[in-house]
Amino acid sequence: MHFQQLTSLTIEDFHAPIDELESFLLLTSSLHYLKLTNGENMLDSKRWEQFISINLHQLEKFEFYFYDWRPIEHTPTDLELIIDKFRTRF
């Protein structure tokens, strides 16, 4: 099963392992737009870059929103370092 007509997809609050999300996205190779809103730890920017580059050739726009509710103190510099990992030209 593949979803060839699907060109836009928004997934909110996905709480399964990233491997399951990747397995699903493999069925959506026609995506032009992908938006993920997630509270889980999916902050591996290199993994996203590699997966999208290899599997989602038609993707034009990738929006990634995350939130972290754990009681951990982050400085503004810490947060910028996390965000900077997603600021690439790929």
Protein backbone atom coordinates (compact mmCIF):
# COMPACT_ATOMS: atom_id res chain seq x y z
CA MET A 1 0.00 0.00 0.00
CA HIS A 2 1.27 3.44 -0.96
CA PHE A 3 -0.38 6.84 -0.75
CA GLN A 4 0.71 8.28 -4.10
CA GLN A 5 -1.96 11.02 -4.17
CA LEU A 6 -0.99 12.33 -0.74
CA THR A 7 1.04 15.51 -1.19
CA SER A 8 0.52 17.24 2.17
CA LEU A 9 0.60 15.70 5.63
CA THR A 10 0.39 17.07 9.17
CA ILE A 11 1.00 14.77 12.11
CA GLU A 12 0.42 16.08 15.62
CA ASP A 13 1.48 14.51 18.91
CA PHE A 14 3.02 11.36 17.48
CA HIS A 15 4.12 9.29 20.48
CA ALA A 16 5.45 6.11 18.87
CA PRO A 17 9.11 5.34 18.19
CA ILE A 18 10.69 7.27 15.33
CA ASP A 19 11.19 3.98 13.47
CA GLU A 20 7.41 3.59 13.22
CA LEU A 21 7.02 7.11 11.89
CA GLU A 22 9.70 6.47 9.28
CA SER A 23 7.98 3.23 8.24
CA PHE A 24 4.75 5.13 7.69
CA LEU A 25 6.44 7.97 5.82
CA LEU A 26 8.03 5.47 3.45
CA LEU A 27 4.48 4.98 2.10
CA THR A 28 4.17 8.70 1.31
CA SER A 29 6.93 9.33 -1.22
CA SER A 30 4.81 11.94 -3.08
CA LEU A 31 4.77 14.40 -0.20
CA HIS A 32 5.51 18.03 -1.01
CA TYR A 33 4.72 19.30 2.49
CA LEU A 34 5.28 17.61 5.86
CA LYS A 35 4.51 19.12 9.25
CA LEU A 36 5.29 17.31 12.49
CA THR A 37 4.27 18.54 15.92
CA ASN A 38 5.71 16.37 18.60
CA GLY A 39 6.36 16.22 22.29
CA GLU A 40 8.64 13.21 22.19
CA ASN A 41 12.37 13.28 21.68
CA MET A 42 12.81 13.32 17.89
CA LEU A 43 15.56 15.91 17.81
CA ASP A 44 18.09 13.96 15.77
CA SER A 45 18.57 16.46 12.94
CA LYS A 46 21.06 14.29 11.03
CA ARG A 47 18.62 11.38 11.03
CA TRP A 48 15.85 13.60 9.64
CA GLU A 49 18.13 15.05 7.00
CA GLN A 50 19.26 11.62 5.87
CA PHE A 51 15.75 10.13 5.85
CA ILE A 52 14.23 13.01 3.89
CA SER A 53 17.12 13.16 1.41
CA ILE A 54 16.89 9.45 0.66
CA ASN A 55 13.14 8.82 0.83
CA LEU A 56 11.14 12.02 0.29
CA HIS A 57 12.57 13.39 -2.95
CA GLN A 58 9.55 15.57 -3.74
CA LEU A 59 9.38 17.21 -0.32
CA GLU A 60 9.57 21.00 -0.68
CA LYS A 61 8.70 22.12 2.84
CA PHE A 62 9.36 20.42 6.17
CA GLU A 63 8.02 22.04 9.34
CA PHE A 64 9.07 20.53 12.63
CA TYR A 65 7.65 21.72 15.93
CA PHE A 66 8.65 20.22 19.23
CA TYR A 67 8.15 20.96 22.85
CA ASP A 68 9.98 19.69 25.87
CA TRP A 69 8.06 19.59 29.10
CA ARG A 70 10.69 17.92 31.25
CA PRO A 71 11.78 19.93 34.31
CA ILE A 72 15.28 20.60 33.01
CA GLU A 73 16.84 24.01 33.07
CA HIS A 74 17.92 25.15 29.60
CA THR A 75 19.79 28.34 28.97
CA PRO A 76 18.99 30.34 25.83
CA THR A 77 22.34 29.15 24.45
CA ASP A 78 21.36 25.50 25.01
CA LEU A 79 18.11 26.04 23.14
CA GLU A 80 19.86 27.80 20.26
CA LEU A 81 22.27 24.88 19.92
CA ILE A 82 19.32 22.47 19.60
CA ILE A 83 17.55 24.67 17.05
CA ASP A 84 20.73 25.32 15.04
CA LYS A 85 21.01 21.61 14.25
CA PHE A 86 17.87 22.00 12.12
CA ARG A 87 19.06 25.13 10.29
CA THR A 88 20.77 23.51 7.36
CA ARG A 89 20.38 23.94 3.60
CA PHE A 90 19.58 20.33 2.86
